[in-house]
């Protein structure tokens, strides 16, 4: 069995999770909120995985350090992105 790439995984997640943007219809938005809760749980899982990898950024082993640095750099990039989005939404 071949491994799915990130595009295929994201497409599959869209199918599995469903819509997450409210549409101003009470019945539909209740279901959408459940989908959003699922998306948040997956986001938490992703962030935990990044943190576990980032904790290796000062490893004495080059391969572990490289992965840790990539995870840490991603965390910093997401931090900046979130700060910018927070300003836009304020």
PDB file of N, CA and C in Angstrom:
ATOM      1  N   UNK A   1       0.847  -1.178   0.000  1.00  0.00           N
ATOM      2  CA  UNK A   1       0.000   0.000   0.000  1.00  0.00           C
ATOM      3  C   UNK A   1       0.892   1.241   0.000  1.00  0.00           C
ATOM      4  N   UNK A   2       0.574   2.167  -0.858  1.00  0.00           N
ATOM      5  CA  UNK A   2       1.379   3.386  -0.921  1.00  0.00           C
ATOM      6  C   UNK A   2       0.918   4.395   0.135  1.00  0.00           C
ATOM      7  N   UNK A   3       1.814   5.228   0.545  1.00  0.00           N
ATOM      8  CA  UNK A   3       1.533   6.265   1.525  1.00  0.00           C
ATOM      9  C   UNK A   3       0.859   7.445   0.828  1.00  0.00           C
ATOM     10  N   UNK A   4      -0.165   8.016   1.460  1.00  0.00           N
ATOM     11  CA  UNK A   4      -0.847   9.195   0.907  1.00  0.00           C
ATOM     12  C   UNK A   4       0.038  10.418   1.085  1.00  0.00           C
ATOM     13  N   UNK A   5      -0.015  11.349   0.117  1.00  0.00           N
ATOM     14  CA  UNK A   5       0.720  12.594   0.285  1.00  0.00           C
ATOM     15  C   UNK A   5      -0.159  13.596   1.040  1.00  0.00           C
ATOM     16  N   UNK A   6       0.414  14.743   1.372  1.00  0.00           N
ATOM     17  CA  UNK A   6      -0.300  15.713   2.210  1.00  0.00           C
ATOM     18  C   UNK A   6      -1.569  16.250   1.543  1.00  0.00           C
ATOM     19  N   UNK A   7      -1.562  16.421   0.237  1.00  0.00           N
ATOM     20  CA  UNK A   7      -2.760  16.893  -0.459  1.00  0.00           C
ATOM     21  C   UNK A   7      -3.887  15.879  -0.337  1.00  0.00           C
ATOM     22  N   UNK A   8      -3.554  14.606  -0.528  1.00  0.00           N
ATOM     23  CA  UNK A   8      -4.565  13.556  -0.415  1.00  0.00           C
ATOM     24  C   UNK A   8      -5.104  13.456   1.009  1.00  0.00           C
ATOM     25  N   UNK A   9      -4.230  13.604   1.986  1.00  0.00           N
ATOM     26  CA  UNK A   9      -4.667  13.557   3.391  1.00  0.00           C
ATOM     27  C   UNK A   9      -5.598  14.717   3.695  1.00  0.00           C
ATOM     28  N   UNK A  10      -5.252  15.911   3.244  1.00  0.00           N
ATOM     29  CA  UNK A  10      -6.115  17.083   3.471  1.00  0.00           C
ATOM     30  C   UNK A  10      -7.469  16.906   2.788  1.00  0.00           C
ATOM     31  N   UNK A  11      -7.466  16.393   1.574  1.00  0.00           N
ATOM     32  CA  UNK A  11      -8.734  16.136   0.878  1.00  0.00           C
ATOM     33  C   UNK A  11      -9.575  15.127   1.636  1.00  0.00           C
ATOM     34  N   UNK A  12      -8.944  14.087   2.142  1.00  0.00           N
ATOM     35  CA  UNK A  12      -9.658  13.080   2.919  1.00  0.00           C
ATOM     36  C   UNK A  12     -10.215  13.673   4.208  1.00  0.00           C
ATOM     37  N   UNK A  13      -9.434  14.506   4.877  1.00  0.00           N
ATOM     38  CA  UNK A  13      -9.914  15.154   6.102  1.00  0.00           C
ATOM     39  C   UNK A  13     -11.133  16.039   5.821  1.00  0.00           C
ATOM     40  N   UNK A  14     -11.127  16.743   4.700  1.00  0.00           N
ATOM     41  CA  UNK A  14     -12.286  17.561   4.335  1.00  0.00           C
ATOM     42  C   UNK A  14     -13.535  16.693   4.203  1.00  0.00           C
ATOM     43  N   UNK A  15     -13.376  15.528   3.621  1.00  0.00           N
ATOM     44  CA  UNK A  15     -14.508  14.615   3.459  1.00  0.00           C
ATOM     45  C   UNK A  15     -14.946  14.067   4.810  1.00  0.00           C
ATOM     46  N   UNK A  16     -13.989  13.631   5.616  1.00  0.00           N
ATOM     47  CA  UNK A  16     -14.309  13.012   6.898  1.00  0.00           C
ATOM     48  C   UNK A  16     -14.901  14.019   7.880  1.00  0.00           C
ATOM     49  N   UNK A  17     -14.305  15.198   7.977  1.00  0.00           N
ATOM     50  CA  UNK A  17     -14.749  16.189   8.960  1.00  0.00           C
ATOM     51  C   UNK A  17     -16.014  16.899   8.508  1.00  0.00           C
ATOM     52  N   UNK A  18     -16.061  17.318   7.262  1.00  0.00           N
ATOM     53  CA  UNK A  18     -17.200  18.088   6.768  1.00  0.00           C
ATOM     54  C   UNK A  18     -16.962  19.584   6.904  1.00  0.00           C
ATOM     55  N   UNK A  19     -17.995  20.328   6.606  1.00  0.00           N
ATOM     56  CA  UNK A  19     -17.919  21.796   6.644  1.00  0.00           C
ATOM     57  C   UNK A  19     -17.643  22.294   8.055  1.00  0.00           C
ATOM     58  N   UNK A  20     -16.846  23.373   8.153  1.00  0.00           N
ATOM     59  CA  UNK A  20     -16.541  23.964   9.456  1.00  0.00           C
ATOM     60  C   UNK A  20     -16.858  25.460   9.515  1.00  0.00           C
ATOM     61  N   UNK A  21     -17.331  26.009   8.421  1.00  0.00           N
ATOM     62  CA  UNK A  21     -17.672  27.440   8.398  1.00  0.00           C
ATOM     63  C   UNK A  21     -19.183  27.592   8.524  1.00  0.00           C
ATOM     64  N   UNK A  22     -19.644  28.337   9.560  1.00  0.00           N
ATOM     65  CA  UNK A  22     -21.085  28.487   9.766  1.00  0.00           C
ATOM     66  C   UNK A  22     -21.758  29.180   8.587  1.00  0.00           C
ATOM     67  N   UNK A  23     -23.060  28.864   8.403  1.00  0.00           N
ATOM     68  CA  UNK A  23     -23.811  29.410   7.267  1.00  0.00           C
ATOM     69  C   UNK A  23     -25.056  30.179   7.700  1.00  0.00           C
ATOM     70  N   UNK A  24     -25.177  30.471   8.998  1.00  0.00           N
ATOM     71  CA  UNK A  24     -26.291  31.244   9.550  1.00  0.00           C
ATOM     72  C   UNK A  24     -27.631  30.505   9.441  1.00  0.00           C
ATOM     73  N   UNK A  25     -27.578  29.194   9.593  1.00  0.00           N
ATOM     74  CA  UNK A  25     -28.770  28.364   9.665  1.00  0.00           C
ATOM     75  C   UNK A  25     -28.620  27.519  10.932  1.00  0.00           C
ATOM     76  N   UNK A  26     -29.518  27.686  11.880  1.00  0.00           N
ATOM     77  CA  UNK A  26     -29.368  27.070  13.198  1.00  0.00           C
ATOM     78  C   UNK A  26     -29.134  25.573  13.124  1.00  0.00           C
ATOM     79  N   UNK A  27     -29.950  24.856  12.360  1.00  0.00           N
ATOM     80  CA  UNK A  27     -29.811  23.406  12.293  1.00  0.00           C
ATOM     81  C   UNK A  27     -28.466  23.010  11.696  1.00  0.00           C
ATOM     82  N   UNK A  28     -28.121  23.641  10.587  1.00  0.00           N
ATOM     83  CA  UNK A  28     -26.860  23.324   9.917  1.00  0.00           C
ATOM     84  C   UNK A  28     -25.664  23.731  10.772  1.00  0.00           C
ATOM     85  N   UNK A  29     -25.757  24.889  11.424  1.00  0.00           N
ATOM     86  CA  UNK A  29     -24.635  25.374  12.224  1.00  0.00           C
ATOM     87  C   UNK A  29     -24.374  24.499  13.447  1.00  0.00           C
ATOM     88  N   UNK A  30     -25.388  23.809  13.943  1.00  0.00           N
ATOM     89  CA  UNK A  30     -25.163  22.875  15.045  1.00  0.00           C
ATOM     90  C   UNK A  30     -24.273  21.725  14.587  1.00  0.00           C
ATOM     91  N   UNK A  31     -24.535  21.191  13.407  1.00  0.00           N
ATOM     92  CA  UNK A  31     -23.705  20.131  12.846  1.00  0.00           C
ATOM     93  C   UNK A  31     -22.310  20.663  12.510  1.00  0.00           C
ATOM     94  N   UNK A  32     -22.260  21.857  11.962  1.00  0.00           N
ATOM     95  CA  UNK A  32     -20.984  22.480  11.619  1.00  0.00           C
ATOM     96  C   UNK A  32     -20.142  22.690  12.876  1.00  0.00           C
ATOM     97  N   UNK A  33     -20.776  23.033  13.993  1.00  0.00           N
ATOM     98  CA  UNK A  33     -20.029  23.204  15.240  1.00  0.00           C
ATOM     99  C   UNK A  33     -19.410  21.879  15.700  1.00  0.00           C
ATOM    100  N   UNK A  34     -20.132  20.789  15.525  1.00  0.00           N
ATOM    101  CA  UNK A  34     -19.565  19.477  15.851  1.00  0.00           C
ATOM    102  C   UNK A  34     -18.361  19.185  14.960  1.00  0.00           C
ATOM    103  N   UNK A  35     -18.468  19.529  13.682  1.00  0.00           N
ATOM    104  CA  UNK A  35     -17.340  19.364  12.764  1.00  0.00           C
ATOM    105  C   UNK A  35     -16.157  20.217  13.205  1.00  0.00           C
ATOM    106  N   UNK A  36     -16.440  21.443  13.650  1.00  0.00           N
ATOM    107  CA  UNK A  36     -15.389  22.347  14.116  1.00  0.00           C
ATOM    108  C   UNK A  36     -14.683  21.770  15.338  1.00  0.00           C
ATOM    109  N   UNK A  37     -15.447  21.174  16.240  1.00  0.00           N
ATOM    110  CA  UNK A  37     -14.836  20.545  17.422  1.00  0.00           C
ATOM    111  C   UNK A  37     -13.882  19.429  16.999  1.00  0.00           C
ATOM    112  N   UNK A  38     -14.274  18.661  15.993  1.00  0.00           N
ATOM    113  CA  UNK A  38     -13.404  17.610  15.472  1.00  0.00           C
ATOM    114  C   UNK A  38     -12.139  18.218  14.877  1.00  0.00           C
ATOM    115  N   UNK A  39     -12.297  19.294  14.103  1.00  0.00           N
ATOM    116  CA  UNK A  39     -11.147  19.975  13.505  1.00  0.00           C
ATOM    117  C   UNK A  39     -10.197  20.486  14.587  1.00  0.00           C
ATOM    118  N   UNK A  40     -10.748  21.033  15.663  1.00  0.00           N
ATOM    119  CA  UNK A  40      -9.929  21.531  16.771  1.00  0.00           C
ATOM    120  C   UNK A  40      -9.159  20.383  17.416  1.00  0.00           C
ATOM    121  N   UNK A  41      -9.822  19.249  17.629  1.00  0.00           N
ATOM    122  CA  UNK A  41      -9.136  18.088  18.208  1.00  0.00           C
ATOM    123  C   UNK A  41      -7.972  17.644  17.321  1.00  0.00           C
ATOM    124  N   UNK A  42      -8.173  17.639  16.020  1.00  0.00           N
ATOM    125  CA  UNK A  42      -7.107  17.259  15.089  1.00  0.00           C
ATOM    126  C   UNK A  42      -5.985  18.295  15.128  1.00  0.00           C
ATOM    127  N   UNK A  43      -6.349  19.567  15.201  1.00  0.00           N
ATOM    128  CA  UNK A  43      -5.338  20.624  15.318  1.00  0.00           C
ATOM    129  C   UNK A  43      -4.499  20.461  16.572  1.00  0.00           C
ATOM    130  N   UNK A  44      -5.151  20.120  17.695  1.00  0.00           N
ATOM    131  CA  UNK A  44      -4.413  19.879  18.937  1.00  0.00           C
ATOM    132  C   UNK A  44      -3.431  18.720  18.772  1.00  0.00           C
ATOM    133  N   UNK A  45      -3.888  17.657  18.099  1.00  0.00           N
ATOM    134  CA  UNK A  45      -3.036  16.494  17.858  1.00  0.00           C
ATOM    135  C   UNK A  45      -1.827  16.884  17.007  1.00  0.00           C
ATOM    136  N   UNK A  46      -2.057  17.708  16.003  1.00  0.00           N
ATOM    137  CA  UNK A  46      -0.972  18.166  15.127  1.00  0.00           C
ATOM    138  C   UNK A  46       0.033  19.002  15.922  1.00  0.00           C
ATOM    139  N   UNK A  47      -0.467  19.932  16.736  1.00  0.00           N
ATOM    140  CA  UNK A  47       0.425  20.781  17.526  1.00  0.00           C
ATOM    141  C   UNK A  47       1.240  19.955  18.519  1.00  0.00           C
ATOM    142  N   UNK A  48       0.614  18.959  19.125  1.00  0.00           N
ATOM    143  CA  UNK A  48       1.347  18.081  20.042  1.00  0.00           C
ATOM    144  C   UNK A  48       2.472  17.345  19.307  1.00  0.00           C
ATOM    145  N   UNK A  49       2.191  16.886  18.091  1.00  0.00           N
ATOM    146  CA  UNK A  49       3.212  16.205  17.300  1.00  0.00           C
ATOM    147  C   UNK A  49       4.366  17.125  16.945  1.00  0.00           C
ATOM    148  N   UNK A  50       4.042  18.361  16.586  1.00  0.00           N
ATOM    149  CA  UNK A  50       5.099  19.341  16.288  1.00  0.00           C
ATOM    150  C   UNK A  50       5.954  19.595  17.514  1.00  0.00           C
ATOM    151  N   UNK A  51       5.315  19.747  18.660  1.00  0.00           N
ATOM    152  CA  UNK A  51       6.058  19.995  19.889  1.00  0.00           C
ATOM    153  C   UNK A  51       6.991  18.831  20.217  1.00  0.00           C
ATOM    154  N   UNK A  52       6.487  17.614  20.098  1.00  0.00           N
ATOM    155  CA  UNK A  52       7.335  16.444  20.381  1.00  0.00           C
ATOM    156  C   UNK A  52       8.562  16.427  19.466  1.00  0.00           C
ATOM    157  N   UNK A  53       8.381  16.793  18.207  1.00  0.00           N
ATOM    158  CA  UNK A  53       9.527  16.845  17.286  1.00  0.00           C
ATOM    159  C   UNK A  53      10.442  18.018  17.607  1.00  0.00           C
ATOM    160  N   UNK A  54       9.859  19.183  17.918  1.00  0.00           N
ATOM    161  CA  UNK A  54      10.651  20.385  18.201  1.00  0.00           C
ATOM    162  C   UNK A  54      11.540  20.202  19.426  1.00  0.00           C
ATOM    163  N   UNK A  55      11.130  19.358  20.338  1.00  0.00           N
ATOM    164  CA  UNK A  55      11.926  19.115  21.548  1.00  0.00           C
ATOM    165  C   UNK A  55      13.277  18.477  21.228  1.00  0.00           C
ATOM    166  N   UNK A  56      13.478  18.029  20.002  1.00  0.00           N
ATOM    167  CA  UNK A  56      14.742  17.411  19.591  1.00  0.00           C
ATOM    168  C   UNK A  56      15.649  18.386  18.841  1.00  0.00           C
ATOM    169  N   UNK A  57      15.296  19.656  18.805  1.00  0.00           N
ATOM    170  CA  UNK A  57      16.055  20.605  17.998  1.00  0.00           C
ATOM    171  C   UNK A  57      17.469  20.858  18.507  1.00  0.00           C
ATOM    172  N   UNK A  58      17.764  20.498  19.743  1.00  0.00           N
ATOM    173  CA  UNK A  58      19.119  20.671  20.283  1.00  0.00           C
ATOM    174  C   UNK A  58      19.804  19.320  20.491  1.00  0.00           C
ATOM    175  N   UNK A  59      19.304  18.307  19.803  1.00  0.00           N
ATOM    176  CA  UNK A  59      19.876  16.965  19.909  1.00  0.00           C
ATOM    177  C   UNK A  59      21.322  16.947  19.407  1.00  0.00           C
ATOM    178  N   UNK A  60      22.096  16.051  19.965  1.00  0.00           N
ATOM    179  CA  UNK A  60      23.472  15.892  19.478  1.00  0.00           C
ATOM    180  C   UNK A  60      23.512  15.065  18.180  1.00  0.00           C
ATOM    181  N   UNK A  61      22.374  14.476  17.805  1.00  0.00           N
ATOM    182  CA  UNK A  61      22.276  13.695  16.571  1.00  0.00           C
ATOM    183  C   UNK A  61      21.718  14.589  15.451  1.00  0.00           C
ATOM    184  N   UNK A  62      22.465  14.701  14.376  1.00  0.00           N
ATOM    185  CA  UNK A  62      22.126  15.629  13.292  1.00  0.00           C
ATOM    186  C   UNK A  62      20.732  15.381  12.723  1.00  0.00           C
ATOM    187  N   UNK A  63      20.374  14.127  12.521  1.00  0.00           N
ATOM    188  CA  UNK A  63      19.063  13.845  11.930  1.00  0.00           C
ATOM    189  C   UNK A  63      17.925  14.253  12.860  1.00  0.00           C
ATOM    190  N   UNK A  64      18.089  14.017  14.146  1.00  0.00           N
ATOM    191  CA  UNK A  64      17.071  14.431  15.118  1.00  0.00           C
ATOM    192  C   UNK A  64      17.014  15.948  15.214  1.00  0.00           C
ATOM    193  N   UNK A  65      18.190  16.572  15.224  1.00  0.00           N
ATOM    194  CA  UNK A  65      18.270  18.033  15.304  1.00  0.00           C
ATOM    195  C   UNK A  65      17.608  18.680  14.088  1.00  0.00           C
ATOM    196  N   UNK A  66      17.834  18.121  12.896  1.00  0.00           N
ATOM    197  CA  UNK A  66      17.237  18.666  11.675  1.00  0.00           C
ATOM    198  C   UNK A  66      15.712  18.605  11.750  1.00  0.00           C
ATOM    199  N   UNK A  67      15.174  17.469  12.166  1.00  0.00           N
ATOM    200  CA  UNK A  67      13.718  17.357  12.309  1.00  0.00           C
ATOM    201  C   UNK A  67      13.194  18.312  13.363  1.00  0.00           C
ATOM    202  N   UNK A  68      13.896  18.396  14.484  1.00  0.00           N
ATOM    203  CA  UNK A  68      13.481  19.305  15.547  1.00  0.00           C
ATOM    204  C   UNK A  68      13.489  20.752  15.107  1.00  0.00           C
ATOM    205  N   UNK A  69      14.512  21.138  14.359  1.00  0.00           N
ATOM    206  CA  UNK A  69      14.595  22.518  13.853  1.00  0.00           C
ATOM    207  C   UNK A  69      13.461  22.811  12.873  1.00  0.00           C
ATOM    208  N   UNK A  70      13.134  21.844  12.011  1.00  0.00           N
ATOM    209  CA  UNK A  70      12.044  22.047  11.059  1.00  0.00           C
ATOM    210  C   UNK A  70      10.716  22.236  11.813  1.00  0.00           C
ATOM    211  N   UNK A  71      10.487  21.415  12.816  1.00  0.00           N
ATOM    212  CA  UNK A  71       9.256  21.522  13.598  1.00  0.00           C
ATOM    213  C   UNK A  71       9.212  22.853  14.343  1.00  0.00           C
ATOM    214  N   UNK A  72      10.329  23.239  14.945  1.00  0.00           N
ATOM    215  CA  UNK A  72      10.386  24.493  15.687  1.00  0.00           C
ATOM    216  C   UNK A  72      10.166  25.689  14.762  1.00  0.00           C
ATOM    217  N   UNK A  73      10.792  25.667  13.590  1.00  0.00           N
ATOM    218  CA  UNK A  73      10.614  26.754  12.618  1.00  0.00           C
ATOM    219  C   UNK A  73       9.153  26.839  12.176  1.00  0.00           C
ATOM    220  N   UNK A  74       8.524  25.706  12.016  1.00  0.00           N
ATOM    221  CA  UNK A  74       7.111  25.694  11.649  1.00  0.00           C
ATOM    222  C   UNK A  74       6.264  26.295  12.765  1.00  0.00           C
ATOM    223  N   UNK A  75       6.577  25.943  14.001  1.00  0.00           N
ATOM    224  CA  UNK A  75       5.849  26.519  15.135  1.00  0.00           C
ATOM    225  C   UNK A  75       5.979  28.047  15.150  1.00  0.00           C
ATOM    226  N   UNK A  76       7.184  28.550  14.905  1.00  0.00           N
ATOM    227  CA  UNK A  76       7.397  29.999  14.879  1.00  0.00           C
ATOM    228  C   UNK A  76       6.639  30.651  13.730  1.00  0.00           C
ATOM    229  N   UNK A  77       6.638  30.010  12.564  1.00  0.00           N
ATOM    230  CA  UNK A  77       5.912  30.555  11.416  1.00  0.00           C
ATOM    231  C   UNK A  77       4.418  30.591  11.718  1.00  0.00           C
ATOM    232  N   UNK A  78       3.886  29.540  12.346  1.00  0.00           N
ATOM    233  CA  UNK A  78       2.463  29.522  12.703  1.00  0.00           C
ATOM    234  C   UNK A  78       2.154  30.572  13.762  1.00  0.00           C
ATOM    235  N   UNK A  79       3.094  30.789  14.681  1.00  0.00           N
ATOM    236  CA  UNK A  79       2.916  31.832  15.700  1.00  0.00           C
ATOM    237  C   UNK A  79       2.751  33.197  15.033  1.00  0.00           C
ATOM    238  N   UNK A  80       3.622  33.505  14.070  1.00  0.00           N
ATOM    239  CA  UNK A  80       3.531  34.780  13.344  1.00  0.00           C
ATOM    240  C   UNK A  80       2.225  34.866  12.559  1.00  0.00           C
ATOM    241  N   UNK A  81       1.858  33.777  11.896  1.00  0.00           N
ATOM    242  CA  UNK A  81       0.618  33.748  11.112  1.00  0.00           C
ATOM    243  C   UNK A  81      -0.586  33.993  12.027  1.00  0.00           C
ATOM    244  N   UNK A  82      -0.609  33.329  13.179  1.00  0.00           N
ATOM    245  CA  UNK A  82      -1.709  33.508  14.125  1.00  0.00           C
ATOM    246  C   UNK A  82      -1.771  34.940  14.648  1.00  0.00           C
ATOM    247  N   UNK A  83      -0.619  35.532  14.942  1.00  0.00           N
ATOM    248  CA  UNK A  83      -0.586  36.914  15.419  1.00  0.00           C
ATOM    249  C   UNK A  83      -1.150  37.857  14.358  1.00  0.00           C
ATOM    250  N   UNK A  84      -0.780  37.647  13.099  1.00  0.00           N
ATOM    251  CA  UNK A  84      -1.302  38.482  12.012  1.00  0.00           C
ATOM    252  C   UNK A  84      -2.809  38.310  11.858  1.00  0.00           C
ATOM    253  N   UNK A  85      -3.281  37.069  11.938  1.00  0.00           N
ATOM    254  CA  UNK A  85      -4.727  36.815  11.807  1.00  0.00           C
ATOM    255  C   UNK A  85      -5.489  37.401  12.986  1.00  0.00           C
ATOM    256  N   UNK A  86      -4.891  37.340  14.167  1.00  0.00           N
ATOM    257  CA  UNK A  86      -5.529  37.925  15.346  1.00  0.00           C
ATOM    258  C   UNK A  86      -5.723  39.425  15.156  1.00  0.00           C
ATOM    259  N   UNK A  87      -4.705  40.091  14.610  1.00  0.00           N
ATOM    260  CA  UNK A  87      -4.812  41.530  14.340  1.00  0.00           C
ATOM    261  C   UNK A  87      -5.902  41.811  13.306  1.00  0.00           C
ATOM    262  N   UNK A  88      -5.967  40.974  12.273  1.00  0.00           N
ATOM    263  CA  UNK A  88      -6.992  41.171  11.237  1.00  0.00           C
ATOM    264  C   UNK A  88      -8.410  40.987  11.787  1.00  0.00           C
ATOM    265  N   UNK A  89      -8.569  40.062  12.716  1.00  0.00           N
ATOM    266  CA  UNK A  89      -9.894  39.764  13.260  1.00  0.00           C
ATOM    267  C   UNK A  89     -10.318  40.712  14.378  1.00  0.00           C
ATOM    268  N   UNK A  90      -9.357  41.457  14.915  1.00  0.00           N
ATOM    269  CA  UNK A  90      -9.652  42.360  16.055  1.00  0.00           C
ATOM    270  C   UNK A  90     -10.481  43.551  15.626  1.00  0.00           C
TER     271      UNK A  90
END
